[in-house]
Amino acid sequence: TVQENLPPSLDSKAEQPPLFDGTTRFYTSYTCPYAQRVWITRNYKGLQDKIKIVALNLQDRPAWFSEKVYRDSKVPLLEHNGQIIGESIDVIKYVDTNFEGPSLLPNDPAKREFAEELFNYIDTFTTEVYTAFKGDPIKDSGPAFDYLEKALNKFDDGPFFLGQLSLADIAYIPNVERFEIFLSEVWKHDITASRPKLAAWIEQLNKIDAYRQTKIDPKKVVDLYKTRYM
């Protein structure tokens, strides 16, 4: 797979790209886990030529982003067909439904229902782990990772949450990627110890180019989380 040439991040001095000129744009930050969900979805569906990346420097973001594009000034955002779509779970569902490429939600009603359960739990999952970083990180984050291990036992027709790769996996992996790095590097804790399904899930995701190309530099995670939680 050819590695994509990524555009540089736009800062406060950068000019605004055209808006609603027929080009589909994905506004992102290369270090944001929520935007990474959309990035993986775009890549997996082979939409690199259909959805253009507009990367932003969130530490020095352009004023036009909140003034002209999105008042909340958050990423990810999708500009498509004269509208702006925000909130990462909504965006990945929109991209899966409205663009060509392999479908990332199965037709099976039981699996679709479980996908919604996983989407509904995701904020609880991330909050539990972030809160654990301020207490006893290893002990307090355990239940959140146990939930994932249990969820990965529900369907046995593949290593992913719904058996085959889906938006549910894409929703969780960016945060799990960061949590695994931080707990390993700083606390010498392996989140996959005694969690064989979680270990296999991460291993299989790491074989997927669409995800691998979006992974963050581990040093950036450690530096950012140390500043925030230590």
Foldseek 3Di string as FASTA:
>chain_A
DDQDDADDADFQVDDDDDAPPQAKEWEEALQDLLSLLLQLLCVQQPNPVRYDYHYHDVVGGHPCCCVPPNVVSDDTWIGHPNDIDHDSVVNSVCCQPPDGGDHQADPPPVRNVVLVVLVVCQVVLLVQQLVLLQPVNPVSNLVSLVVVLVQQPPDDCDLDSSRDGHSSLSSPVSSVLLSQLQCCPPVVDHSCVVRVSVVVSVVVVCVDPSNVSSHDDSVVSNVVSVVVRD
